[in-house]
Amino acid sequence: MSYKIDVVIEKDEDGYYAYCPALKGCQTQGDTLEEVQANIKEAIELYLETLSDEEKSILQRQEILTMTLEVQVA
């Protein structure tokens, strides 16, 4: 079965950091964007293997929205 999982990737001075907001504790890092993408895909696959069918069903119904907001600071 295929799952669509939201992933956040952040770049910093040490490389890249990725995590899944819907999968508590599912996170990884990598030196390049390609490496972190491969790492997070593997981490998600391993994480999903630990879930029950009911937990996977709940995960499929969960919706996570991301957006960019512009705010002014005095």
N, C-alpha and C. Protein backbone atom coordinates (compact mmCIF):
# COMPACT_ATOMS: atom_id res chain seq x y z
N MET A 1 0.84 -1.18 0.00
CA MET A 1 0.00 0.00 0.00
C MET A 1 0.88 1.24 0.00
N SER A 2 0.41 2.26 -0.64
CA SER A 2 1.15 3.51 -0.74
C SER A 2 0.55 4.56 0.19
N TYR A 3 1.41 5.35 0.83
CA TYR A 3 0.98 6.40 1.74
C TYR A 3 1.62 7.71 1.32
N LYS A 4 0.86 8.80 1.44
CA LYS A 4 1.41 10.13 1.23
C LYS A 4 1.66 10.73 2.61
N ILE A 5 2.91 11.07 2.88
CA ILE A 5 3.33 11.56 4.19
C ILE A 5 3.97 12.93 4.01
N ASP A 6 3.50 13.92 4.79
CA ASP A 6 4.11 15.24 4.76
C ASP A 6 5.48 15.21 5.42
N VAL A 7 6.44 15.84 4.76
CA VAL A 7 7.82 15.89 5.25
C VAL A 7 8.28 17.34 5.24
N VAL A 8 8.96 17.74 6.29
CA VAL A 8 9.57 19.08 6.37
C VAL A 8 11.08 18.88 6.29
N ILE A 9 11.72 19.64 5.40
CA ILE A 9 13.18 19.58 5.27
C ILE A 9 13.72 20.98 5.52
N GLU A 10 14.68 21.07 6.42
CA GLU A 10 15.31 22.34 6.76
C GLU A 10 16.80 22.26 6.45
N LYS A 11 17.33 23.34 5.93
CA LYS A 11 18.77 23.42 5.65
C LYS A 11 19.43 24.28 6.71
N ASP A 12 20.56 23.83 7.20
CA ASP A 12 21.34 24.63 8.15
C ASP A 12 22.82 24.51 7.81
N GLU A 13 23.68 25.02 8.67
CA GLU A 13 25.11 25.03 8.38
C GLU A 13 25.73 23.63 8.36
N ASP A 14 25.03 22.64 8.92
CA ASP A 14 25.55 21.28 8.97
C ASP A 14 25.00 20.37 7.87
N GLY A 15 24.07 20.85 7.08
CA GLY A 15 23.46 20.04 6.04
C GLY A 15 21.95 20.18 6.05
N TYR A 16 21.25 19.05 6.04
CA TYR A 16 19.79 19.05 5.97
C TYR A 16 19.21 18.20 7.09
N TYR A 17 18.06 18.62 7.58
CA TYR A 17 17.33 17.93 8.64
C TYR A 17 15.91 17.72 8.13
N ALA A 18 15.37 16.52 8.25
CA ALA A 18 14.02 16.22 7.78
C ALA A 18 13.23 15.54 8.90
N TYR A 19 11.92 15.86 8.94
CA TYR A 19 11.04 15.19 9.90
C TYR A 19 9.62 15.14 9.37
N CYS A 20 8.83 14.26 9.95
CA CYS A 20 7.43 14.08 9.56
C CYS A 20 6.54 14.52 10.71
N PRO A 21 5.81 15.61 10.57
CA PRO A 21 4.95 16.06 11.66
C PRO A 21 3.93 15.02 12.12
N ALA A 22 3.44 14.19 11.22
CA ALA A 22 2.43 13.20 11.57
C ALA A 22 3.01 11.95 12.24
N LEU A 23 4.31 11.77 12.14
CA LEU A 23 4.95 10.57 12.70
C LEU A 23 5.92 10.99 13.79
N LYS A 24 5.43 11.06 15.00
CA LYS A 24 6.23 11.56 16.12
C LYS A 24 7.56 10.81 16.24
N GLY A 25 8.64 11.57 16.21
CA GLY A 25 9.97 10.99 16.35
C GLY A 25 10.60 10.52 15.06
N CYS A 26 9.87 10.63 13.94
CA CYS A 26 10.41 10.19 12.65
C CYS A 26 11.20 11.35 12.06
N GLN A 27 12.51 11.24 12.15
CA GLN A 27 13.38 12.33 11.72
C GLN A 27 14.74 11.78 11.29
N THR A 28 15.47 12.58 10.53
CA THR A 28 16.78 12.17 10.07
C THR A 28 17.56 13.39 9.60
N GLN A 29 18.76 13.16 9.15
CA GLN A 29 19.58 14.24 8.61
C GLN A 29 20.42 13.71 7.46
N GLY A 30 21.05 14.63 6.74
CA GLY A 30 21.92 14.25 5.64
C GLY A 30 22.78 15.42 5.21
N ASP A 31 23.88 15.13 4.56
CA ASP A 31 24.77 16.19 4.10
C ASP A 31 24.22 16.90 2.87
N THR A 32 23.45 16.19 2.03
CA THR A 32 22.89 16.77 0.82
C THR A 32 21.38 16.58 0.82
N LEU A 33 20.70 17.32 -0.04
CA LEU A 33 19.25 17.19 -0.16
C LEU A 33 18.89 15.76 -0.60
N GLU A 34 19.63 15.22 -1.53
CA GLU A 34 19.37 13.86 -2.01
C GLU A 34 19.54 12.83 -0.89
N GLU A 35 20.57 13.02 -0.08
CA GLU A 35 20.81 12.09 1.02
C GLU A 35 19.69 12.17 2.06
N VAL A 36 19.28 13.36 2.43
CA VAL A 36 18.23 13.48 3.45
C VAL A 36 16.91 12.95 2.92
N GLN A 37 16.64 13.12 1.62
CA GLN A 37 15.41 12.57 1.05
C GLN A 37 15.41 11.04 1.11
N ALA A 38 16.53 10.43 0.77
CA ALA A 38 16.63 8.97 0.85
C ALA A 38 16.51 8.50 2.29
N ASN A 39 17.14 9.23 3.20
CA ASN A 39 17.10 8.85 4.62
C ASN A 39 15.69 8.95 5.19
N ILE A 40 14.97 10.01 4.87
CA ILE A 40 13.64 10.18 5.44
C ILE A 40 12.67 9.17 4.83
N LYS A 41 12.85 8.83 3.57
CA LYS A 41 12.00 7.81 2.95
C LYS A 41 12.19 6.49 3.68
N GLU A 42 13.43 6.12 3.95
CA GLU A 42 13.70 4.88 4.68
C GLU A 42 13.13 4.94 6.10
N ALA A 43 13.29 6.07 6.76
CA ALA A 43 12.77 6.23 8.12
C ALA A 43 11.25 6.08 8.14
N ILE A 44 10.57 6.66 7.15
CA ILE A 44 9.11 6.56 7.08
C ILE A 44 8.69 5.11 6.86
N GLU A 45 9.35 4.43 5.94
CA GLU A 45 9.01 3.03 5.66
C GLU A 45 9.16 2.18 6.91
N LEU A 46 10.26 2.37 7.64
CA LEU A 46 10.48 1.60 8.87
C LEU A 46 9.44 1.95 9.93
N TYR A 47 9.11 3.23 10.04
CA TYR A 47 8.12 3.68 11.01
C TYR A 47 6.76 3.06 10.71
N LEU A 48 6.34 3.11 9.44
CA LEU A 48 5.03 2.57 9.07
C LEU A 48 4.93 1.07 9.34
N GLU A 49 6.04 0.36 9.23
CA GLU A 49 6.03 -1.08 9.52
C GLU A 49 5.67 -1.37 10.98
N THR A 50 5.86 -0.40 11.86
CA THR A 50 5.57 -0.61 13.28
C THR A 50 4.12 -0.32 13.64
N LEU A 51 3.35 0.28 12.72
CA LEU A 51 1.99 0.69 13.01
C LEU A 51 0.98 -0.43 12.75
N SER A 52 -0.08 -0.41 13.54
CA SER A 52 -1.19 -1.35 13.30
C SER A 52 -2.01 -0.85 12.11
N ASP A 53 -2.90 -1.69 11.61
CA ASP A 53 -3.77 -1.28 10.52
C ASP A 53 -4.64 -0.09 10.93
N GLU A 54 -5.11 -0.08 12.17
CA GLU A 54 -5.94 1.03 12.65
C GLU A 54 -5.13 2.33 12.69
N GLU A 55 -3.91 2.26 13.16
CA GLU A 55 -3.05 3.45 13.20
C GLU A 55 -2.76 3.97 11.79
N LYS A 56 -2.57 3.07 10.85
CA LYS A 56 -2.34 3.48 9.46
C LYS A 56 -3.59 4.13 8.88
N SER A 57 -4.76 3.62 9.24
CA SER A 57 -6.02 4.19 8.77
C SER A 57 -6.20 5.61 9.30
N ILE A 58 -5.88 5.81 10.56
CA ILE A 58 -5.96 7.15 11.16
C ILE A 58 -4.99 8.09 10.47
N LEU A 59 -3.81 7.61 10.19
CA LEU A 59 -2.78 8.41 9.52
C LEU A 59 -3.27 8.88 8.15
N GLN A 60 -3.95 8.02 7.41
CA GLN A 60 -4.44 8.37 6.08
C GLN A 60 -5.49 9.47 6.13
N ARG A 61 -6.23 9.57 7.23
CA ARG A 61 -7.28 10.59 7.36
C ARG A 61 -6.75 11.91 7.91
N GLN A 62 -5.56 11.91 8.43
CA GLN A 62 -4.98 13.11 9.03
C GLN A 62 -4.59 14.10 7.94
N GLU A 63 -4.85 15.37 8.20
CA GLU A 63 -4.50 16.42 7.25
C GLU A 63 -3.58 17.42 7.92
N ILE A 64 -2.44 17.67 7.30
CA ILE A 64 -1.49 18.66 7.80
C ILE A 64 -1.33 19.72 6.72
N LEU A 65 -1.52 20.96 7.09
CA LEU A 65 -1.41 22.07 6.16
C LEU A 65 -0.16 22.88 6.48
N THR A 66 0.54 23.30 5.45
CA THR A 66 1.66 24.22 5.65
C THR A 66 1.39 25.47 4.84
N MET A 67 1.88 26.58 5.32
CA MET A 67 1.69 27.83 4.61
C MET A 67 2.78 28.82 5.01
N THR A 68 2.90 29.86 4.25
CA THR A 68 3.81 30.94 4.57
C THR A 68 2.99 32.16 4.92
N LEU A 69 3.28 32.75 6.05
CA LEU A 69 2.58 33.96 6.48
C LEU A 69 3.56 35.12 6.54
N GLU A 70 3.11 36.29 6.12
CA GLU A 70 3.93 37.49 6.24
C GLU A 70 3.44 38.26 7.46
N VAL A 71 4.34 38.58 8.35
CA VAL A 71 3.99 39.33 9.55
C VAL A 71 4.90 40.55 9.67
N GLN A 72 4.38 41.58 10.29
CA GLN A 72 5.18 42.78 10.50
C GLN A 72 5.55 42.87 11.97
N VAL A 73 6.78 43.25 12.20
CA VAL A 73 7.27 43.41 13.56
C VAL A 73 7.69 44.85 13.73
N ALA A 74 7.21 45.46 14.80
CA ALA A 74 7.50 46.86 15.05
C ALA A 74 8.94 47.08 15.43
